[in-house]
Amino acid sequence: SQDDLLIWLPTFRQSDTGDVRLDGTEADNVFGLPGVSAEDLNSRLEARGALMLIKPHPMSVTRRQRFEDLPRVRRIDDSWLAERQLSLYRLLGVADGLITDVSSVWVDYLLMDQPIIFAMADIEAYRATRGFFFEPLEDLLPGPLATNYGDLVTELGRLLDGEDMFSAKRAEVCDAFHTFQDGRSTERLL
């Protein structure tokens, strides 16, 4: 059977390039969620026949942190995509699920109508520093909020079991954000 493909795209909390800043709380790992063990995650994904690609934000201070690629958890970056002649959005187009936090990528991913898990331990700290455009953010999120690794494991299990309790919420939020959902926006633009 074909493996489920999950993409994890955390945004930065602390940057050391561009707009140098600290928003929320830096998790000090490429996942952006405290306590994540790549080895444990790999074992869980292997047992479920799933593959996870994680792409740290290019401005994040953790972007240079390395962990040895594991069979089911692999770190990717722009050069990895370029070597394969892929864009991030082409990769997202075939993903079975997205794990992210406050990255705006989830708004685009709504058009895929695939599950989204929001992995964010520092929602209150982020609210107090950078803030959100929409409040309360928790009411808008069209997927579960995982605030720790245990939550994430639970929600990944649900996603991989095909449990989708947020389909209606995704459709509602997608309608709010996307006037056009027919895949013809480029054609209209041109």
C-alpha atoms as a PDB file:
ATOM      1  CA  SER A   1       0.000   0.000   0.000  1.00  0.00           C
ATOM      2  CA  GLN A   2       1.083   3.554  -0.557  1.00  0.00           C
ATOM      3  CA  ASP A   3       2.491   5.386   2.448  1.00  0.00           C
ATOM      4  CA  ASP A   4       0.696   8.368   3.916  1.00  0.00           C
ATOM      5  CA  LEU A   5       2.761  11.505   3.363  1.00  0.00           C
ATOM      6  CA  LEU A   6       2.722  14.149   6.078  1.00  0.00           C
ATOM      7  CA  ILE A   7       4.411  17.534   5.798  1.00  0.00           C
ATOM      8  CA  TRP A   8       5.441  19.466   8.921  1.00  0.00           C
ATOM      9  CA  LEU A   9       6.013  23.187   8.365  1.00  0.00           C
ATOM     10  CA  PRO A  10       6.700  25.085  11.576  1.00  0.00           C
ATOM     11  CA  THR A  11       7.170  28.830  11.374  1.00  0.00           C
ATOM     12  CA  PHE A  12       9.944  30.609  13.229  1.00  0.00           C
ATOM     13  CA  ARG A  13       9.774  31.917  16.758  1.00  0.00           C
ATOM     14  CA  GLN A  14      13.284  33.322  16.934  1.00  0.00           C
ATOM     15  CA  SER A  15      15.004  34.511  13.787  1.00  0.00           C
ATOM     16  CA  ASP A  16      18.608  35.402  13.210  1.00  0.00           C
ATOM     17  CA  THR A  17      18.175  36.650   9.667  1.00  0.00           C
ATOM     18  CA  GLY A  18      15.854  39.136   8.006  1.00  0.00           C
ATOM     19  CA  ASP A  19      13.451  40.478  10.626  1.00  0.00           C
ATOM     20  CA  VAL A  20      15.443  39.448  13.725  1.00  0.00           C
ATOM     21  CA  ARG A  21      12.918  38.829  16.477  1.00  0.00           C
ATOM     22  CA  LEU A  22      11.542  36.485  19.096  1.00  0.00           C
ATOM     23  CA  ASP A  23       7.823  35.716  19.060  1.00  0.00           C
ATOM     24  CA  GLY A  24       6.315  33.224  21.455  1.00  0.00           C
ATOM     25  CA  THR A  25       8.702  30.686  22.942  1.00  0.00           C
ATOM     26  CA  GLU A  26      11.500  29.020  20.989  1.00  0.00           C
ATOM     27  CA  ALA A  27      11.251  25.226  21.325  1.00  0.00           C
ATOM     28  CA  ASP A  28      14.945  24.735  20.540  1.00  0.00           C
ATOM     29  CA  ASN A  29      14.303  22.023  17.967  1.00  0.00           C
ATOM     30  CA  VAL A  30      13.451  21.950  14.282  1.00  0.00           C
ATOM     31  CA  PHE A  31       9.924  20.713  15.030  1.00  0.00           C
ATOM     32  CA  GLY A  32       8.965  23.841  16.957  1.00  0.00           C
ATOM     33  CA  LEU A  33       7.244  21.727  19.618  1.00  0.00           C
ATOM     34  CA  PRO A  34       8.975  20.855  22.893  1.00  0.00           C
ATOM     35  CA  GLY A  35       9.760  17.243  23.687  1.00  0.00           C
ATOM     36  CA  VAL A  36       9.561  15.820  20.181  1.00  0.00           C
ATOM     37  CA  SER A  37      11.782  12.796  19.747  1.00  0.00           C
ATOM     38  CA  ALA A  38      12.562  12.148  16.091  1.00  0.00           C
ATOM     39  CA  GLU A  39      13.396   8.537  16.942  1.00  0.00           C
ATOM     40  CA  ASP A  40      10.096   7.940  18.732  1.00  0.00           C
ATOM     41  CA  LEU A  41       8.178   9.704  15.978  1.00  0.00           C
ATOM     42  CA  ASN A  42       9.974   7.585  13.385  1.00  0.00           C
ATOM     43  CA  SER A  43       8.974   4.364  15.180  1.00  0.00           C
ATOM     44  CA  ARG A  44       5.342   5.453  15.386  1.00  0.00           C
ATOM     45  CA  LEU A  45       5.221   6.450  11.729  1.00  0.00           C
ATOM     46  CA  GLU A  46       6.969   3.243  10.666  1.00  0.00           C
ATOM     47  CA  ALA A  47       4.338   1.193  12.498  1.00  0.00           C
ATOM     48  CA  ARG A  48       1.637   3.115  10.590  1.00  0.00           C
ATOM     49  CA  GLY A  49       3.308   3.099   7.165  1.00  0.00           C
ATOM     50  CA  ALA A  50       3.629   6.872   7.058  1.00  0.00           C
ATOM     51  CA  LEU A  51       6.406   9.240   6.013  1.00  0.00           C
ATOM     52  CA  MET A  52       6.910  12.712   7.474  1.00  0.00           C
ATOM     53  CA  LEU A  53       8.951  15.449   5.846  1.00  0.00           C
ATOM     54  CA  ILE A  54       9.782  18.438   8.024  1.00  0.00           C
ATOM     55  CA  LYS A  55      10.932  21.735   6.574  1.00  0.00           C
ATOM     56  CA  PRO A  56      12.066  24.270   9.178  1.00  0.00           C
ATOM     57  CA  HIS A  57      11.356  27.907   8.394  1.00  0.00           C
ATOM     58  CA  PRO A  58      14.314  29.495   6.537  1.00  0.00           C
ATOM     59  CA  MET A  59      14.491  32.343   9.090  1.00  0.00           C
ATOM     60  CA  SER A  60      14.396  30.126  12.177  1.00  0.00           C
ATOM     61  CA  VAL A  61      17.425  29.879  14.425  1.00  0.00           C
ATOM     62  CA  THR A  62      16.799  26.113  14.498  1.00  0.00           C
ATOM     63  CA  ARG A  63      17.026  25.755  10.699  1.00  0.00           C
ATOM     64  CA  ARG A  64      20.669  24.701  10.952  1.00  0.00           C
ATOM     65  CA  GLN A  65      20.024  22.050  13.579  1.00  0.00           C
ATOM     66  CA  ARG A  66      20.507  18.617  12.151  1.00  0.00           C
ATOM     67  CA  PHE A  67      19.155  15.289  13.111  1.00  0.00           C
ATOM     68  CA  GLU A  68      20.062  12.175  11.229  1.00  0.00           C
ATOM     69  CA  ASP A  69      17.393  11.469   8.656  1.00  0.00           C
ATOM     70  CA  LEU A  70      15.415   8.463   9.728  1.00  0.00           C
ATOM     71  CA  PRO A  71      13.471   6.166   7.410  1.00  0.00           C
ATOM     72  CA  ARG A  72      10.139   7.825   8.297  1.00  0.00           C
ATOM     73  CA  VAL A  73      11.166  11.311   9.511  1.00  0.00           C
ATOM     74  CA  ARG A  74      13.248  13.362   7.123  1.00  0.00           C
ATOM     75  CA  ARG A  75      14.358  16.961   7.272  1.00  0.00           C
ATOM     76  CA  ILE A  76      14.101  18.837   3.986  1.00  0.00           C
ATOM     77  CA  ASP A  77      15.028  22.327   2.847  1.00  0.00           C
ATOM     78  CA  ASP A  78      14.979  24.411  -0.314  1.00  0.00           C
ATOM     79  CA  SER A  79      18.031  22.640  -1.759  1.00  0.00           C
ATOM     80  CA  TRP A  80      16.379  19.230  -1.182  1.00  0.00           C
ATOM     81  CA  LEU A  81      13.353  20.462  -3.124  1.00  0.00           C
ATOM     82  CA  ALA A  82      15.499  21.948  -5.899  1.00  0.00           C
ATOM     83  CA  GLU A  83      17.491  18.716  -6.320  1.00  0.00           C
ATOM     84  CA  ARG A  84      14.194  16.938  -6.975  1.00  0.00           C
ATOM     85  CA  GLN A  85      12.823  19.759  -9.151  1.00  0.00           C
ATOM     86  CA  LEU A  86       9.949  20.198  -6.712  1.00  0.00           C
ATOM     87  CA  SER A  87       8.308  23.246  -5.261  1.00  0.00           C
ATOM     88  CA  LEU A  88       7.001  23.181  -1.725  1.00  0.00           C
ATOM     89  CA  TYR A  89       3.489  23.695  -3.051  1.00  0.00           C
ATOM     90  CA  ARG A  90       3.767  20.763  -5.461  1.00  0.00           C
ATOM     91  CA  LEU A  91       4.813  18.609  -2.513  1.00  0.00           C
ATOM     92  CA  LEU A  92       1.913  19.931  -0.425  1.00  0.00           C
ATOM     93  CA  GLY A  93      -0.401  19.058  -3.301  1.00  0.00           C
ATOM     94  CA  VAL A  94       0.252  15.347  -2.778  1.00  0.00           C
ATOM     95  CA  ALA A  95       0.438  15.405   1.032  1.00  0.00           C
ATOM     96  CA  ASP A  96      -2.168  13.511   3.037  1.00  0.00           C
ATOM     97  CA  GLY A  97      -1.888  15.917   5.956  1.00  0.00           C
ATOM     98  CA  LEU A  98      -0.163  19.043   7.216  1.00  0.00           C
ATOM     99  CA  ILE A  99       1.319  19.744  10.633  1.00  0.00           C
ATOM    100  CA  THR A 100       1.997  23.406  11.268  1.00  0.00           C
ATOM    101  CA  ASP A 101       1.471  26.167  13.799  1.00  0.00           C
ATOM    102  CA  VAL A 102       0.714  29.776  12.916  1.00  0.00           C
ATOM    103  CA  SER A 103       2.377  29.574   9.516  1.00  0.00           C
ATOM    104  CA  SER A 104       0.072  30.995   6.864  1.00  0.00           C
ATOM    105  CA  VAL A 105       0.595  27.852   4.778  1.00  0.00           C
ATOM    106  CA  TRP A 106      -2.444  26.295   6.421  1.00  0.00           C
ATOM    107  CA  VAL A 107      -4.707  28.871   4.767  1.00  0.00           C
ATOM    108  CA  ASP A 108      -3.424  27.797   1.336  1.00  0.00           C
ATOM    109  CA  TYR A 109      -3.600  24.116   2.307  1.00  0.00           C
ATOM    110  CA  LEU A 110      -7.328  24.482   3.017  1.00  0.00           C
ATOM    111  CA  LEU A 111      -7.820  24.243  -0.746  1.00  0.00           C
ATOM    112  CA  MET A 112      -6.583  20.637  -0.610  1.00  0.00           C
ATOM    113  CA  ASP A 113      -9.304  19.661   1.893  1.00  0.00           C
ATOM    114  CA  GLN A 114      -6.867  17.456   3.779  1.00  0.00           C
ATOM    115  CA  PRO A 115      -6.428  17.238   7.568  1.00  0.00           C
ATOM    116  CA  ILE A 116      -4.335  19.815   9.402  1.00  0.00           C
ATOM    117  CA  ILE A 117      -2.842  19.457  12.873  1.00  0.00           C
ATOM    118  CA  PHE A 118      -1.781  22.631  14.648  1.00  0.00           C
ATOM    119  CA  ALA A 119       1.305  21.874  16.787  1.00  0.00           C
ATOM    120  CA  MET A 120       1.800  24.841  19.066  1.00  0.00           C
ATOM    121  CA  ALA A 121       2.859  24.756  22.702  1.00  0.00           C
ATOM    122  CA  ASP A 122       3.240  28.521  23.049  1.00  0.00           C
ATOM    123  CA  ILE A 123      -0.084  29.895  21.869  1.00  0.00           C
ATOM    124  CA  GLU A 124      -0.443  32.260  24.851  1.00  0.00           C
ATOM    125  CA  ALA A 125       3.164  33.481  24.632  1.00  0.00           C
ATOM    126  CA  TYR A 126       2.779  34.028  20.885  1.00  0.00           C
ATOM    127  CA  ARG A 127      -0.479  35.891  21.482  1.00  0.00           C
ATOM    128  CA  ALA A 128       1.318  38.138  23.998  1.00  0.00           C
ATOM    129  CA  THR A 129       4.289  38.881  21.718  1.00  0.00           C
ATOM    130  CA  ARG A 130       3.389  38.898  18.028  1.00  0.00           C
ATOM    131  CA  GLY A 131      -0.344  38.380  18.341  1.00  0.00           C
ATOM    132  CA  PHE A 132      -2.844  37.025  15.839  1.00  0.00           C
ATOM    133  CA  PHE A 133      -4.951  38.628  13.115  1.00  0.00           C
ATOM    134  CA  PHE A 134      -8.005  36.684  14.237  1.00  0.00           C
ATOM    135  CA  GLU A 135      -9.086  36.223  17.837  1.00  0.00           C
ATOM    136  CA  PRO A 136      -9.716  33.933  19.437  1.00  0.00           C
ATOM    137  CA  LEU A 137      -7.499  31.939  17.072  1.00  0.00           C
ATOM    138  CA  GLU A 138      -8.532  28.650  18.663  1.00  0.00           C
ATOM    139  CA  ASP A 139     -12.095  29.163  17.378  1.00  0.00           C
ATOM    140  CA  LEU A 140     -10.843  29.582  13.801  1.00  0.00           C
ATOM    141  CA  LEU A 141      -8.430  26.641  13.567  1.00  0.00           C
ATOM    142  CA  PRO A 142      -9.818  23.948  11.252  1.00  0.00           C
ATOM    143  CA  GLY A 143      -7.931  21.149  12.975  1.00  0.00           C
ATOM    144  CA  PRO A 144      -6.900  19.969  16.417  1.00  0.00           C
ATOM    145  CA  LEU A 145      -4.449  21.982  18.510  1.00  0.00           C
ATOM    146  CA  ALA A 146      -1.606  19.826  19.835  1.00  0.00           C
ATOM    147  CA  THR A 147       0.159  21.702  22.645  1.00  0.00           C
ATOM    148  CA  ASN A 148       2.618  18.922  23.531  1.00  0.00           C
ATOM    149  CA  TYR A 149       4.132  15.799  22.037  1.00  0.00           C
ATOM    150  CA  GLY A 150       1.507  13.536  23.612  1.00  0.00           C
ATOM    151  CA  ASP A 151      -1.275  15.542  21.953  1.00  0.00           C
ATOM    152  CA  LEU A 152       0.575  15.360  18.660  1.00  0.00           C
ATOM    153  CA  VAL A 153       0.926  11.573  18.840  1.00  0.00           C
ATOM    154  CA  THR A 154      -2.803  11.254  19.570  1.00  0.00           C
ATOM    155  CA  GLU A 155      -3.787  13.525  16.698  1.00  0.00           C
ATOM    156  CA  LEU A 156      -1.388  11.833  14.266  1.00  0.00           C
ATOM    157  CA  GLY A 157      -3.010   8.510  15.175  1.00  0.00           C
ATOM    158  CA  ARG A 158      -6.444   9.922  14.412  1.00  0.00           C
ATOM    159  CA  LEU A 159      -5.276  11.387  11.123  1.00  0.00           C
ATOM    160  CA  LEU A 160      -3.640   8.122  10.039  1.00  0.00           C
ATOM    161  CA  ASP A 161      -6.763   6.180  11.073  1.00  0.00           C
ATOM    162  CA  GLY A 162      -8.791   8.370   8.736  1.00  0.00           C
ATOM    163  CA  GLU A 163     -10.690  10.094  11.552  1.00  0.00           C
ATOM    164  CA  ASP A 164     -11.529  13.551  10.268  1.00  0.00           C
ATOM    165  CA  MET A 165     -13.606  15.509  12.747  1.00  0.00           C
ATOM    166  CA  PHE A 166     -12.746  18.846  11.104  1.00  0.00           C
ATOM    167  CA  SER A 167     -13.994  18.397   7.534  1.00  0.00           C
ATOM    168  CA  ALA A 168     -16.966  20.741   8.022  1.00  0.00           C
ATOM    169  CA  LYS A 169     -14.820  23.307   9.849  1.00  0.00           C
ATOM    170  CA  ARG A 170     -12.214  23.226   7.040  1.00  0.00           C
ATOM    171  CA  ALA A 171     -14.962  23.861   4.473  1.00  0.00           C
ATOM    172  CA  GLU A 172     -16.355  26.745   6.550  1.00  0.00           C
ATOM    173  CA  VAL A 173     -12.948  28.375   7.021  1.00  0.00           C
ATOM    174  CA  CYS A 174     -11.973  27.714   3.402  1.00  0.00           C
ATOM    175  CA  ASP A 175     -15.112  29.547   2.258  1.00  0.00           C
ATOM    176  CA  ALA A 176     -14.186  32.466   4.523  1.00  0.00           C
ATOM    177  CA  PHE A 177     -10.627  32.733   3.148  1.00  0.00           C
ATOM    178  CA  HIS A 178     -10.970  31.639  -0.487  1.00  0.00           C
ATOM    179  CA  THR A 179     -13.457  33.225  -2.876  1.00  0.00           C
ATOM    180  CA  PHE A 180     -12.305  30.914  -5.671  1.00  0.00           C
ATOM    181  CA  GLN A 181     -11.752  27.221  -4.987  1.00  0.00           C
ATOM    182  CA  ASP A 182     -11.857  25.857  -8.527  1.00  0.00           C
ATOM    183  CA  GLY A 183      -8.100  25.610  -9.223  1.00  0.00           C
ATOM    184  CA  ARG A 184      -8.291  28.287 -11.933  1.00  0.00           C
ATOM    185  CA  SER A 185      -6.864  31.312 -10.110  1.00  0.00           C
ATOM    186  CA  THR A 186      -3.677  31.380 -12.215  1.00  0.00           C
ATOM    187  CA  GLU A 187      -5.781  31.347 -15.368  1.00  0.00           C
ATOM    188  CA  ARG A 188      -7.866  34.251 -14.061  1.00  0.00           C
ATOM    189  CA  LEU A 189      -4.725  36.166 -13.086  1.00  0.00           C
ATOM    190  CA  LEU A 190      -3.132  35.722 -16.489  1.00  0.00           C
END
